[in-house]
PDB file of N, CA and C in Angstrom:
ATOM      1  N   UNK A   1       4.026  11.875   1.081  1.00  0.00           N
ATOM      2  CA  UNK A   1       3.060  10.813   0.852  1.00  0.00           C
ATOM      3  C   UNK A   1       2.650  10.207   2.195  1.00  0.00           C
ATOM      4  N   UNK A   2       1.389   9.848   2.320  1.00  0.00           N
ATOM      5  CA  UNK A   2       0.854   9.397   3.606  1.00  0.00           C
ATOM      6  C   UNK A   2       1.104   7.926   3.917  1.00  0.00           C
ATOM      7  N   UNK A   3       1.680   7.176   2.976  1.00  0.00           N
ATOM      8  CA  UNK A   3       1.981   5.755   3.211  1.00  0.00           C
ATOM      9  C   UNK A   3       3.437   5.470   2.869  1.00  0.00           C
ATOM     10  N   UNK A   4       3.964   4.385   3.431  1.00  0.00           N
ATOM     11  CA  UNK A   4       5.359   4.000   3.207  1.00  0.00           C
ATOM     12  C   UNK A   4       5.429   2.540   2.800  1.00  0.00           C
ATOM     13  N   UNK A   5       6.600   2.143   2.289  1.00  0.00           N
ATOM     14  CA  UNK A   5       6.832   0.752   1.927  1.00  0.00           C
ATOM     15  C   UNK A   5       6.693  -0.119   3.173  1.00  0.00           C
ATOM     16  N   UNK A   6       5.967  -1.227   3.044  1.00  0.00           N
ATOM     17  CA  UNK A   6       5.784  -2.140   4.168  1.00  0.00           C
ATOM     18  C   UNK A   6       4.487  -1.921   4.932  1.00  0.00           C
ATOM     19  N   UNK A   7       3.803  -0.783   4.715  1.00  0.00           N
ATOM     20  CA  UNK A   7       2.532  -0.520   5.393  1.00  0.00           C
ATOM     21  C   UNK A   7       1.451  -1.439   4.856  1.00  0.00           C
ATOM     22  N   UNK A   8       0.485  -1.771   5.711  1.00  0.00           N
ATOM     23  CA  UNK A   8      -0.696  -2.502   5.265  1.00  0.00           C
ATOM     24  C   UNK A   8      -1.766  -1.465   4.950  1.00  0.00           C
ATOM     25  N   UNK A   9      -2.349  -1.561   3.761  1.00  0.00           N
ATOM     26  CA  UNK A   9      -3.334  -0.577   3.318  1.00  0.00           C
ATOM     27  C   UNK A   9      -4.590  -1.277   2.803  1.00  0.00           C
ATOM     28  N   UNK A  10      -5.673  -0.494   2.700  1.00  0.00           N
ATOM     29  CA  UNK A  10      -6.917  -0.975   2.120  1.00  0.00           C
ATOM     30  C   UNK A  10      -7.237  -0.108   0.916  1.00  0.00           C
ATOM     31  N   UNK A  11      -7.627  -0.738  -0.202  1.00  0.00           N
ATOM     32  CA  UNK A  11      -7.986  -0.014  -1.417  1.00  0.00           C
ATOM     33  C   UNK A  11      -9.414   0.491  -1.244  1.00  0.00           C
ATOM     34  N   UNK A  12      -9.651   1.795  -1.502  1.00  0.00           N
ATOM     35  CA  UNK A  12     -10.970   2.376  -1.239  1.00  0.00           C
ATOM     36  C   UNK A  12     -11.770   2.683  -2.503  1.00  0.00           C
ATOM     37  N   UNK A  13     -11.169   2.522  -3.695  1.00  0.00           N
ATOM     38  CA  UNK A  13     -11.942   2.744  -4.911  1.00  0.00           C
ATOM     39  C   UNK A  13     -11.370   1.924  -6.059  1.00  0.00           C
ATOM     40  N   UNK A  14     -12.189   1.749  -7.090  1.00  0.00           N
ATOM     41  CA  UNK A  14     -11.749   1.004  -8.263  1.00  0.00           C
ATOM     42  C   UNK A  14     -12.183  -0.448  -8.218  1.00  0.00           C
ATOM     43  N   UNK A  15     -11.653  -1.239  -9.145  1.00  0.00           N
ATOM     44  CA  UNK A  15     -12.066  -2.636  -9.268  1.00  0.00           C
ATOM     45  C   UNK A  15     -11.633  -3.492  -8.082  1.00  0.00           C
ATOM     46  N   UNK A  16     -10.609  -3.058  -7.361  1.00  0.00           N
ATOM     47  CA  UNK A  16     -10.103  -3.819  -6.212  1.00  0.00           C
ATOM     48  C   UNK A  16     -10.557  -3.234  -4.882  1.00  0.00           C
ATOM     49  N   UNK A  17     -11.648  -2.479  -4.878  1.00  0.00           N
ATOM     50  CA  UNK A  17     -12.152  -1.838  -3.661  1.00  0.00           C
ATOM     51  C   UNK A  17     -12.371  -2.870  -2.553  1.00  0.00           C
ATOM     52  N   UNK A  18     -11.859  -2.570  -1.356  1.00  0.00           N
ATOM     53  CA  UNK A  18     -12.020  -3.459  -0.206  1.00  0.00           C
ATOM     54  C   UNK A  18     -10.864  -4.409   0.018  1.00  0.00           C
ATOM     55  N   UNK A  19      -9.959  -4.540  -0.944  1.00  0.00           N
ATOM     56  CA  UNK A  19      -8.821  -5.448  -0.787  1.00  0.00           C
ATOM     57  C   UNK A  19      -7.775  -4.852   0.138  1.00  0.00           C
ATOM     58  N   UNK A  20      -7.157  -5.718   0.937  1.00  0.00           N
ATOM     59  CA  UNK A  20      -6.064  -5.305   1.807  1.00  0.00           C
ATOM     60  C   UNK A  20      -4.774  -5.885   1.258  1.00  0.00           C
ATOM     61  N   UNK A  21      -3.681  -5.186   1.471  1.00  0.00           N
ATOM     62  CA  UNK A  21      -2.391  -5.695   1.031  1.00  0.00           C
ATOM     63  C   UNK A  21      -1.257  -4.850   1.564  1.00  0.00           C
ATOM     64  N   UNK A  22      -0.062  -5.399   1.391  1.00  0.00           N
ATOM     65  CA  UNK A  22       1.147  -4.730   1.845  1.00  0.00           C
ATOM     66  C   UNK A  22       1.725  -3.907   0.692  1.00  0.00           C
ATOM     67  N   UNK A  23       2.270  -2.733   0.992  1.00  0.00           N
ATOM     68  CA  UNK A  23       2.876  -1.901  -0.046  1.00  0.00           C
ATOM     69  C   UNK A  23       4.255  -2.457  -0.381  1.00  0.00           C
ATOM     70  N   UNK A  24       4.454  -2.786  -1.659  1.00  0.00           N
ATOM     71  CA  UNK A  24       5.716  -3.343  -2.126  1.00  0.00           C
ATOM     72  C   UNK A  24       6.671  -2.256  -2.601  1.00  0.00           C
ATOM     73  N   UNK A  25       6.109  -1.190  -3.177  1.00  0.00           N
ATOM     74  CA  UNK A  25       6.947  -0.123  -3.739  1.00  0.00           C
ATOM     75  C   UNK A  25       6.172   1.194  -3.697  1.00  0.00           C
ATOM     76  N   UNK A  26       6.898   2.287  -3.421  1.00  0.00           N
ATOM     77  CA  UNK A  26       6.307   3.623  -3.430  1.00  0.00           C
ATOM     78  C   UNK A  26       7.014   4.437  -4.506  1.00  0.00           C
ATOM     79  N   UNK A  27       6.240   5.083  -5.369  1.00  0.00           N
ATOM     80  CA  UNK A  27       6.781   5.919  -6.438  1.00  0.00           C
ATOM     81  C   UNK A  27       6.307   7.361  -6.202  1.00  0.00           C
ATOM     82  N   UNK A  28       7.030   8.139  -5.351  1.00  0.00           N
ATOM     83  CA  UNK A  28       6.539   9.458  -4.958  1.00  0.00           C
ATOM     84  C   UNK A  28       6.458  10.490  -6.087  1.00  0.00           C
ATOM     85  N   UNK A  29       7.331  10.412  -7.081  1.00  0.00           N
ATOM     86  CA  UNK A  29       7.275  11.384  -8.184  1.00  0.00           C
ATOM     87  C   UNK A  29       5.996  11.254  -8.992  1.00  0.00           C
ATOM     88  N   UNK A  30       5.498  10.018  -9.122  1.00  0.00           N
ATOM     89  CA  UNK A  30       4.254   9.788  -9.856  1.00  0.00           C
ATOM     90  C   UNK A  30       3.044   9.785  -8.934  1.00  0.00           C
ATOM     91  N   UNK A  31       3.281   9.727  -7.615  1.00  0.00           N
ATOM     92  CA  UNK A  31       2.176   9.700  -6.651  1.00  0.00           C
ATOM     93  C   UNK A  31       1.467   8.360  -6.618  1.00  0.00           C
ATOM     94  N   UNK A  32       2.216   7.279  -6.887  1.00  0.00           N
ATOM     95  CA  UNK A  32       1.609   5.953  -6.940  1.00  0.00           C
ATOM     96  C   UNK A  32       2.271   4.980  -5.973  1.00  0.00           C
ATOM     97  N   UNK A  33       1.562   3.891  -5.702  1.00  0.00           N
ATOM     98  CA  UNK A  33       2.081   2.815  -4.862  1.00  0.00           C
ATOM     99  C   UNK A  33       1.738   1.478  -5.500  1.00  0.00           C
ATOM    100  N   UNK A  34       2.572   0.469  -5.260  1.00  0.00           N
ATOM    101  CA  UNK A  34       2.289  -0.886  -5.736  1.00  0.00           C
ATOM    102  C   UNK A  34       1.866  -1.697  -4.521  1.00  0.00           C
ATOM    103  N   UNK A  35       0.624  -2.219  -4.562  1.00  0.00           N
ATOM    104  CA  UNK A  35       0.056  -2.969  -3.450  1.00  0.00           C
ATOM    105  C   UNK A  35      -0.018  -4.436  -3.824  1.00  0.00           C
ATOM    106  N   UNK A  36       0.431  -5.292  -2.910  1.00  0.00           N
ATOM    107  CA  UNK A  36       0.433  -6.736  -3.117  1.00  0.00           C
ATOM    108  C   UNK A  36      -1.005  -7.239  -3.280  1.00  0.00           C
ATOM    109  N   UNK A  37      -1.291  -7.893  -4.408  1.00  0.00           N
ATOM    110  CA  UNK A  37      -2.603  -8.492  -4.644  1.00  0.00           C
ATOM    111  C   UNK A  37      -3.654  -7.546  -5.189  1.00  0.00           C
ATOM    112  N   UNK A  38      -3.314  -6.286  -5.428  1.00  0.00           N
ATOM    113  CA  UNK A  38      -4.279  -5.327  -5.981  1.00  0.00           C
ATOM    114  C   UNK A  38      -3.774  -4.814  -7.321  1.00  0.00           C
ATOM    115  N   UNK A  39      -4.706  -4.558  -8.241  1.00  0.00           N
ATOM    116  CA  UNK A  39      -4.385  -4.065  -9.586  1.00  0.00           C
ATOM    117  C   UNK A  39      -3.408  -4.999 -10.298  1.00  0.00           C
ATOM    118  N   UNK A  40      -3.749  -6.280 -10.319  1.00  0.00           N
ATOM    119  CA  UNK A  40      -2.891  -7.310 -10.910  1.00  0.00           C
ATOM    120  C   UNK A  40      -3.242  -7.504 -12.387  1.00  0.00           C
ATOM    121  N   UNK A  41      -2.218  -7.530 -13.235  1.00  0.00           N
ATOM    122  CA  UNK A  41      -2.400  -7.754 -14.669  1.00  0.00           C
ATOM    123  C   UNK A  41      -1.557  -8.942 -15.099  1.00  0.00           C
ATOM    124  N   UNK A  42      -1.986  -9.616 -16.167  1.00  0.00           N
ATOM    125  CA  UNK A  42      -1.224 -10.742 -16.696  1.00  0.00           C
ATOM    126  C   UNK A  42      -0.321 -10.238 -17.812  1.00  0.00           C
ATOM    127  N   UNK A  43       0.950 -10.617 -17.744  1.00  0.00           N
ATOM    128  CA  UNK A  43       1.923 -10.209 -18.748  1.00  0.00           C
ATOM    129  C   UNK A  43       2.531 -11.445 -19.404  1.00  0.00           C
ATOM    130  N   UNK A  44       2.642 -11.401 -20.726  1.00  0.00           N
ATOM    131  CA  UNK A  44       3.266 -12.494 -21.470  1.00  0.00           C
ATOM    132  C   UNK A  44       4.765 -12.198 -21.545  1.00  0.00           C
ATOM    133  N   UNK A  45       5.583 -13.136 -21.052  1.00  0.00           N
ATOM    134  CA  UNK A  45       7.021 -12.903 -21.026  1.00  0.00           C
ATOM    135  C   UNK A  45       7.754 -13.947 -21.854  1.00  0.00           C
ATOM    136  N   UNK A  46       8.809 -13.485 -22.535  1.00  0.00           N
ATOM    137  CA  UNK A  46       9.660 -14.384 -23.293  1.00  0.00           C
ATOM    138  C   UNK A  46      10.634 -15.050 -22.330  1.00  0.00           C
ATOM    139  N   UNK A  47      11.107 -16.226 -22.639  1.00  0.00           N
ATOM    140  CA  UNK A  47      12.118 -16.852 -21.785  1.00  0.00           C
ATOM    141  C   UNK A  47      13.385 -16.003 -21.713  1.00  0.00           C
ATOM    142  N   UNK A  48      13.952 -15.898 -20.521  1.00  0.00           N
ATOM    143  CA  UNK A  48      15.181 -15.142 -20.312  1.00  0.00           C
ATOM    144  C   UNK A  48      15.983 -15.845 -19.223  1.00  0.00           C
ATOM    145  N   UNK A  49      17.164 -15.322 -18.901  1.00  0.00           N
ATOM    146  CA  UNK A  49      17.964 -15.936 -17.839  1.00  0.00           C
ATOM    147  C   UNK A  49      17.266 -15.819 -16.487  1.00  0.00           C
ATOM    148  N   UNK A  50      16.613 -14.696 -16.280  1.00  0.00           N
ATOM    149  CA  UNK A  50      15.915 -14.471 -15.014  1.00  0.00           C
ATOM    150  C   UNK A  50      14.686 -15.374 -14.903  1.00  0.00           C
ATOM    151  N   UNK A  51      13.950 -15.546 -16.013  1.00  0.00           N
ATOM    152  CA  UNK A  51      12.730 -16.354 -16.042  1.00  0.00           C
ATOM    153  C   UNK A  51      12.822 -17.324 -17.215  1.00  0.00           C
ATOM    154  N   UNK A  52      13.573 -18.451 -17.042  1.00  0.00           N
ATOM    155  CA  UNK A  52      13.876 -19.332 -18.175  1.00  0.00           C
ATOM    156  C   UNK A  52      12.674 -20.006 -18.827  1.00  0.00           C
ATOM    157  N   UNK A  53      11.586 -20.178 -18.080  1.00  0.00           N
ATOM    158  CA  UNK A  53      10.430 -20.877 -18.635  1.00  0.00           C
ATOM    159  C   UNK A  53       9.585 -19.978 -19.526  1.00  0.00           C
ATOM    160  N   UNK A  54       9.540 -18.666 -19.226  1.00  0.00           N
ATOM    161  CA  UNK A  54       8.675 -17.757 -19.976  1.00  0.00           C
ATOM    162  C   UNK A  54       7.225 -18.007 -19.589  1.00  0.00           C
ATOM    163  N   UNK A  55       6.284 -17.525 -20.386  1.00  0.00           N
ATOM    164  CA  UNK A  55       4.871 -17.785 -20.144  1.00  0.00           C
ATOM    165  C   UNK A  55       4.131 -16.566 -19.629  1.00  0.00           C
ATOM    166  N   UNK A  56       2.970 -16.803 -19.004  1.00  0.00           N
ATOM    167  CA  UNK A  56       2.112 -15.728 -18.515  1.00  0.00           C
ATOM    168  C   UNK A  56       2.395 -15.502 -17.028  1.00  0.00           C
ATOM    169  N   UNK A  57       2.746 -14.259 -16.687  1.00  0.00           N
ATOM    170  CA  UNK A  57       3.113 -13.904 -15.321  1.00  0.00           C
ATOM    171  C   UNK A  57       2.143 -12.845 -14.810  1.00  0.00           C
ATOM    172  N   UNK A  58       1.673 -13.006 -13.562  1.00  0.00           N
ATOM    173  CA  UNK A  58       0.825 -11.980 -12.949  1.00  0.00           C
ATOM    174  C   UNK A  58       1.711 -10.938 -12.282  1.00  0.00           C
ATOM    175  N   UNK A  59       1.431  -9.667 -12.567  1.00  0.00           N
ATOM    176  CA  UNK A  59       2.258  -8.574 -12.074  1.00  0.00           C
ATOM    177  C   UNK A  59       1.367  -7.508 -11.437  1.00  0.00           C
ATOM    178  N   UNK A  60       1.762  -7.027 -10.239  1.00  0.00           N
ATOM    179  CA  UNK A  60       1.023  -5.951  -9.575  1.00  0.00           C
ATOM    180  C   UNK A  60       1.447  -4.619 -10.179  1.00  0.00           C
ATOM    181  N   UNK A  61       0.471  -3.843 -10.631  1.00  0.00           N
ATOM    182  CA  UNK A  61       0.731  -2.546 -11.243  1.00  0.00           C
ATOM    183  C   UNK A  61       0.441  -1.422 -10.243  1.00  0.00           C
ATOM    184  N   UNK A  62       0.988  -0.227 -10.481  1.00  0.00           N
ATOM    185  CA  UNK A  62       0.789   0.873  -9.526  1.00  0.00           C
ATOM    186  C   UNK A  62      -0.646   1.395  -9.471  1.00  0.00           C
ATOM    187  N   UNK A  63      -1.030   1.871  -8.281  1.00  0.00           N
ATOM    188  CA  UNK A  63      -2.299   2.554  -8.025  1.00  0.00           C
ATOM    189  C   UNK A  63      -1.973   3.962  -7.544  1.00  0.00           C
ATOM    190  N   UNK A  64      -2.843   4.920  -7.775  1.00  0.00           N
ATOM    191  CA  UNK A  64      -2.644   6.243  -7.186  1.00  0.00           C
ATOM    192  C   UNK A  64      -2.755   6.135  -5.673  1.00  0.00           C
ATOM    193  N   UNK A  65      -1.893   6.847  -4.970  1.00  0.00           N
ATOM    194  CA  UNK A  65      -1.854   6.753  -3.511  1.00  0.00           C
ATOM    195  C   UNK A  65      -3.139   7.267  -2.864  1.00  0.00           C
ATOM    196  N   UNK A  66      -3.897   8.090  -3.587  1.00  0.00           N
ATOM    197  CA  UNK A  66      -5.162   8.595  -3.046  1.00  0.00           C
ATOM    198  C   UNK A  66      -6.235   7.515  -2.992  1.00  0.00           C
ATOM    199  N   UNK A  67      -6.001   6.387  -3.661  1.00  0.00           N
ATOM    200  CA  UNK A  67      -6.968   5.293  -3.665  1.00  0.00           C
ATOM    201  C   UNK A  67      -6.765   4.310  -2.522  1.00  0.00           C
ATOM    202  N   UNK A  68      -5.759   4.555  -1.660  1.00  0.00           N
ATOM    203  CA  UNK A  68      -5.510   3.644  -0.543  1.00  0.00           C
ATOM    204  C   UNK A  68      -5.527   4.400   0.786  1.00  0.00           C
ATOM    205  N   UNK A  69      -5.958   3.697   1.841  1.00  0.00           N
ATOM    206  CA  UNK A  69      -5.921   4.224   3.194  1.00  0.00           C
ATOM    207  C   UNK A  69      -5.117   3.273   4.060  1.00  0.00           C
ATOM    208  N   UNK A  70      -4.374   3.828   5.003  1.00  0.00           N
ATOM    209  CA  UNK A  70      -3.609   3.031   5.951  1.00  0.00           C
ATOM    210  C   UNK A  70      -4.571   2.199   6.785  1.00  0.00           C
ATOM    211  N   UNK A  71      -4.248   0.926   7.011  1.00  0.00           N
ATOM    212  CA  UNK A  71      -5.130   0.003   7.728  1.00  0.00           C
ATOM    213  C   UNK A  71      -4.847   0.055   9.224  1.00  0.00           C
ATOM    214  N   UNK A  72      -5.897   0.262  10.021  1.00  0.00           N
ATOM    215  CA  UNK A  72      -5.792   0.275  11.486  1.00  0.00           C
ATOM    216  C   UNK A  72      -6.293  -1.060  12.014  1.00  0.00           C
ATOM    217  N   UNK A  73      -5.438  -1.787  12.735  1.00  0.00           N
ATOM    218  CA  UNK A  73      -5.822  -3.109  13.242  1.00  0.00           C
ATOM    219  C   UNK A  73      -6.858  -3.008  14.362  1.00  0.00           C
ATOM    220  N   UNK A  74      -6.900  -1.893  15.086  1.00  0.00           N
ATOM    221  CA  UNK A  74      -7.884  -1.710  16.152  1.00  0.00           C
ATOM    222  C   UNK A  74      -9.278  -1.482  15.574  1.00  0.00           C
ATOM    223  N   UNK A  75      -9.373  -0.593  14.580  1.00  0.00           N
ATOM    224  CA  UNK A  75     -10.657  -0.296  13.925  1.00  0.00           C
ATOM    225  C   UNK A  75     -11.026  -1.367  12.906  1.00  0.00           C
ATOM    226  N   UNK A  76     -10.043  -2.146  12.466  1.00  0.00           N
ATOM    227  CA  UNK A  76     -10.198  -3.221  11.475  1.00  0.00           C
ATOM    228  C   UNK A  76     -10.693  -2.695  10.124  1.00  0.00           C
ATOM    229  N   UNK A  77     -10.206  -1.509   9.717  1.00  0.00           N
ATOM    230  CA  UNK A  77     -10.513  -0.958   8.395  1.00  0.00           C
ATOM    231  C   UNK A  77      -9.515   0.138   8.052  1.00  0.00           C
ATOM    232  N   UNK A  78      -9.581   0.608   6.816  1.00  0.00           N
ATOM    233  CA  UNK A  78      -8.721   1.706   6.385  1.00  0.00           C
ATOM    234  C   UNK A  78      -9.178   2.997   7.031  1.00  0.00           C
ATOM    235  N   UNK A  79      -8.252   3.791   7.548  1.00  0.00           N
ATOM    236  CA  UNK A  79      -8.603   5.018   8.272  1.00  0.00           C
ATOM    237  C   UNK A  79      -7.755   6.200   7.817  1.00  0.00           C
ATOM    238  N   UNK A  80      -8.282   7.395   8.069  1.00  0.00           N
ATOM    239  CA  UNK A  80      -7.500   8.609   7.848  1.00  0.00           C
ATOM    240  C   UNK A  80      -6.504   8.722   8.996  1.00  0.00           C
ATOM    241  N   UNK A  81      -5.376   9.341   8.707  1.00  0.00           N
ATOM    242  CA  UNK A  81      -4.326   9.417   9.711  1.00  0.00           C
ATOM    243  C   UNK A  81      -3.891  10.850   9.945  1.00  0.00           C
ATOM    244  N   UNK A  82      -3.283  11.067  11.108  1.00  0.00           N
ATOM    245  CA  UNK A  82      -2.686  12.344  11.453  1.00  0.00           C
ATOM    246  C   UNK A  82      -1.275  12.092  11.932  1.00  0.00           C
ATOM    247  N   UNK A  83      -0.528  13.173  12.150  1.00  0.00           N
ATOM    248  CA  UNK A  83       0.847  13.054  12.633  1.00  0.00           C
ATOM    249  C   UNK A  83       0.957  13.816  13.943  1.00  0.00           C
ATOM    250  N   UNK A  84       1.541  13.169  14.952  1.00  0.00           N
ATOM    251  CA  UNK A  84       1.797  13.881  16.208  1.00  0.00           C
ATOM    252  C   UNK A  84       3.251  13.669  16.602  1.00  0.00           C
ATOM    253  N   UNK A  85       3.768  14.606  17.389  1.00  0.00           N
ATOM    254  CA  UNK A  85       5.153  14.563  17.823  1.00  0.00           C
ATOM    255  C   UNK A  85       5.201  14.113  19.273  1.00  0.00           C
ATOM    256  N   UNK A  86       5.993  13.072  19.550  1.00  0.00           N
ATOM    257  CA  UNK A  86       6.142  12.568  20.914  1.00  0.00           C
ATOM    258  C   UNK A  86       7.120  13.446  21.689  1.00  0.00           C
ATOM    259  N   UNK A  87       7.216  13.201  23.020  1.00  0.00           N
ATOM    260  CA  UNK A  87       8.142  13.976  23.863  1.00  0.00           C
ATOM    261  C   UNK A  87       9.585  13.817  23.401  1.00  0.00           C
ATOM    262  N   UNK A  88       9.903  12.650  22.851  1.00  0.00           N
ATOM    263  CA  UNK A  88      11.271  12.388  22.385  1.00  0.00           C
ATOM    264  C   UNK A  88      11.594  13.131  21.090  1.00  0.00           C
ATOM    265  N   UNK A  89      10.585  13.771  20.478  1.00  0.00           N
ATOM    266  CA  UNK A  89      10.803  14.502  19.236  1.00  0.00           C
ATOM    267  C   UNK A  89      10.514  13.675  17.992  1.00  0.00           C
ATOM    268  N   UNK A  90      10.134  12.410  18.182  1.00  0.00           N
ATOM    269  CA  UNK A  90       9.844  11.518  17.058  1.00  0.00           C
ATOM    270  C   UNK A  90       8.423  11.752  16.543  1.00  0.00           C
ATOM    271  N   UNK A  91       8.265  11.800  15.203  1.00  0.00           N
ATOM    272  CA  UNK A  91       6.945  11.956  14.597  1.00  0.00           C
ATOM    273  C   UNK A  91       6.342  10.585  14.359  1.00  0.00           C
ATOM    274  N   UNK A  92       5.073  10.409  14.738  1.00  0.00           N
ATOM    275  CA  UNK A  92       4.377   9.135  14.518  1.00  0.00           C
ATOM    276  C   UNK A  92       3.006   9.404  13.910  1.00  0.00           C
ATOM    277  N   UNK A  93       2.516   8.437  13.122  1.00  0.00           N
ATOM    278  CA  UNK A  93       1.180   8.528  12.543  1.00  0.00           C
ATOM    279  C   UNK A  93       0.188   7.884  13.502  1.00  0.00           C
ATOM    280  N   UNK A  94      -1.027   8.450  13.569  1.00  0.00           N
ATOM    281  CA  UNK A  94      -2.049   7.894  14.445  1.00  0.00           C
ATOM    282  C   UNK A  94      -3.387   7.838  13.721  1.00  0.00           C
ATOM    283  N   UNK A  95      -4.253   6.947  14.176  1.00  0.00           N
ATOM    284  CA  UNK A  95      -5.589   6.763  13.617  1.00  0.00           C
ATOM    285  C   UNK A  95      -6.477   7.902  14.115  1.00  0.00           C
ATOM    286  N   UNK A  96      -7.178   8.574  13.200  1.00  0.00           N
ATOM    287  CA  UNK A  96      -8.042   9.682  13.589  1.00  0.00           C
ATOM    288  C   UNK A  96      -9.317   9.204  14.275  1.00  0.00           C
ATOM    289  N   UNK A  97      -9.709   7.926  14.095  1.00  0.00           N
ATOM    290  CA  UNK A  97     -10.925   7.414  14.725  1.00  0.00           C
ATOM    291  C   UNK A  97     -10.695   7.004  16.171  1.00  0.00           C
ATOM    292  N   UNK A  98      -9.670   6.153  16.390  1.00  0.00           N
ATOM    293  CA  UNK A  98      -9.478   5.597  17.740  1.00  0.00           C
ATOM    294  C   UNK A  98      -8.274   6.196  18.474  1.00  0.00           C
ATOM    295  N   UNK A  99      -7.425   6.945  17.769  1.00  0.00           N
ATOM    296  CA  UNK A  99      -6.267   7.561  18.399  1.00  0.00           C
ATOM    297  C   UNK A  99      -5.074   6.636  18.571  1.00  0.00           C
ATOM    298  N   UNK A 100      -5.173   5.409  18.085  1.00  0.00           N
ATOM    299  CA  UNK A 100      -4.085   4.416  18.179  1.00  0.00           C
ATOM    300  C   UNK A 100      -2.890   4.822  17.328  1.00  0.00           C
ATOM    301  N   UNK A 101      -1.677   4.650  17.862  1.00  0.00           N
ATOM    302  CA  UNK A 101      -0.457   4.927  17.100  1.00  0.00           C
ATOM    303  C   UNK A 101      -0.249   3.812  16.078  1.00  0.00           C
ATOM    304  N   UNK A 102      -0.004   4.184  14.822  1.00  0.00           N
ATOM    305  CA  UNK A 102       0.131   3.197  13.744  1.00  0.00           C
ATOM    306  C   UNK A 102       1.584   2.853  13.441  1.00  0.00           C
ATOM    307  N   UNK A 103       2.542   3.702  13.834  1.00  0.00           N
ATOM    308  CA  UNK A 103       3.959   3.421  13.633  1.00  0.00           C
ATOM    309  C   UNK A 103       4.488   2.659  14.845  1.00  0.00           C
ATOM    310  N   UNK A 104       5.181   1.577  14.587  1.00  0.00           N
ATOM    311  CA  UNK A 104       5.722   0.774  15.699  1.00  0.00           C
ATOM    312  C   UNK A 104       7.196   1.017  15.875  1.00  0.00           C
TER     313      UNK A 104
END
């Protein structure tokens, strides 16, 4: 999968097109990711020990990973990425537009 937990991504299609957010969870078997603030649904919950008040809770639902692009702070938009190997043998992702390394 081209994105990891903690990455900042931009949604490129669907009702949340253009939204930026941080990846909260990656589900590689299903090919989906959960993005903070995107694909949010309201769920009615009963009172429980974890949530004693109950009520209506907003929950971020998974999106297909093909609908998100890694966000490049230099280009200030979602970009396609490539992988290159440094002299130390470490693999890093880079922006295909500006060549900036995206892994810190």
